[in-house]
Protein backbone atom coordinates (compact mmCIF):
# COMPACT_ATOMS: atom_id res chain seq x y z
CA MET A 1 -25.30 17.84 8.28
CA VAL A 2 -23.19 19.05 11.28
CA ASN A 3 -24.86 22.81 12.41
CA GLN A 4 -21.24 25.01 11.76
CA ILE A 5 -20.62 27.46 14.28
CA GLU A 6 -18.79 30.81 12.05
CA VAL A 7 -15.65 31.46 14.48
CA ALA A 8 -14.24 35.51 13.38
CA VAL A 9 -11.29 36.43 15.20
CA CYS A 10 -10.97 39.54 17.26
CA LYS A 11 -8.73 42.61 15.85
CA ASP A 12 -7.30 43.49 18.93
CA CYS A 13 -6.60 40.24 21.46
CA GLY A 14 -6.79 37.66 18.34
CA GLN A 15 -8.98 35.27 20.62
CA GLY A 16 -11.50 33.16 18.02
CA PHE A 17 -15.61 34.15 19.22
CA PRO A 18 -19.11 33.07 17.52
CA ALA A 19 -19.03 35.46 14.41
CA GLN A 20 -22.49 37.06 15.87
CA ASP A 21 -21.01 38.47 18.67
CA VAL A 22 -18.06 40.19 16.97
CA SER A 23 -19.09 43.47 15.92
CA ARG A 24 -18.85 45.08 12.47
CA ARG A 25 -15.17 46.55 13.12
CA GLY A 26 -14.12 43.50 14.07
CA LEU A 27 -14.21 43.01 17.94
CA CYS A 28 -15.26 41.01 20.67
CA PRO A 29 -17.30 42.58 23.29
CA ARG A 30 -14.42 43.01 26.10
CA CYS A 31 -12.49 45.38 23.61
CA GLY A 32 -15.49 46.93 22.05
CA LEU A 33 -16.38 47.89 25.46
CA ALA A 34 -12.61 48.94 26.10
CA ARG A 35 -12.46 50.96 23.85
CA MET A 36 -15.46 53.01 24.10
CA TYR A 37 -14.41 53.80 27.26
CA SER A 38 -10.69 54.65 26.33
CA ALA A 39 -12.36 57.37 23.92
CA THR A 40 -14.67 58.20 26.76
CA ASN A 41 -11.96 59.00 29.28
CA GLN A 42 -9.89 61.15 26.47
CA ILE A 43 -12.45 63.39 25.12
CA ARG A 44 -13.52 63.85 28.89
CA ASN A 45 -10.01 64.64 29.69
CA LYS A 46 -9.11 66.33 26.61
CA CYS A 47 -6.21 64.93 25.33
CA GLY A 48 -5.58 61.92 23.65
CA PRO A 49 -5.97 61.20 18.89
CA VAL A 50 -9.97 60.94 19.68
CA TYR A 51 -10.72 63.51 21.55
CA GLU A 52 -7.70 65.48 18.83
CA ARG A 53 -9.97 63.80 16.06
CA TRP A 54 -13.18 64.99 17.80
CA ARG A 55 -11.79 68.22 18.49
CA LEU A 56 -10.72 69.27 14.65
CA GLY A 57 -14.41 67.82 13.83
CA VAL A 58 -16.06 70.16 15.49
CA GLN A 59 -13.58 72.76 14.50
CA ALA A 60 -14.08 71.43 10.55
CA ALA A 61 -18.23 72.04 11.61
CA LYS A 62 -18.10 75.40 12.93
CA GLY A 63 -15.62 76.65 9.69
CA ALA A 64 -13.21 77.15 11.73
CA LYS A 65 -8.97 76.25 10.49
């Protein structure tokens, strides 16, 4: 019997990768890093949807409305 490699598709770029290289969220390493850098920049610059979601979470944790 021949070993078959499972292939998973990245949900951002649509390319096929070995299943062990795709994250639990369905991203390849390149797209995962790109999203991480984007989120970091949004929080650093205090603008964007990631920052707004983070800000609302912090306010909710503090009990603010």
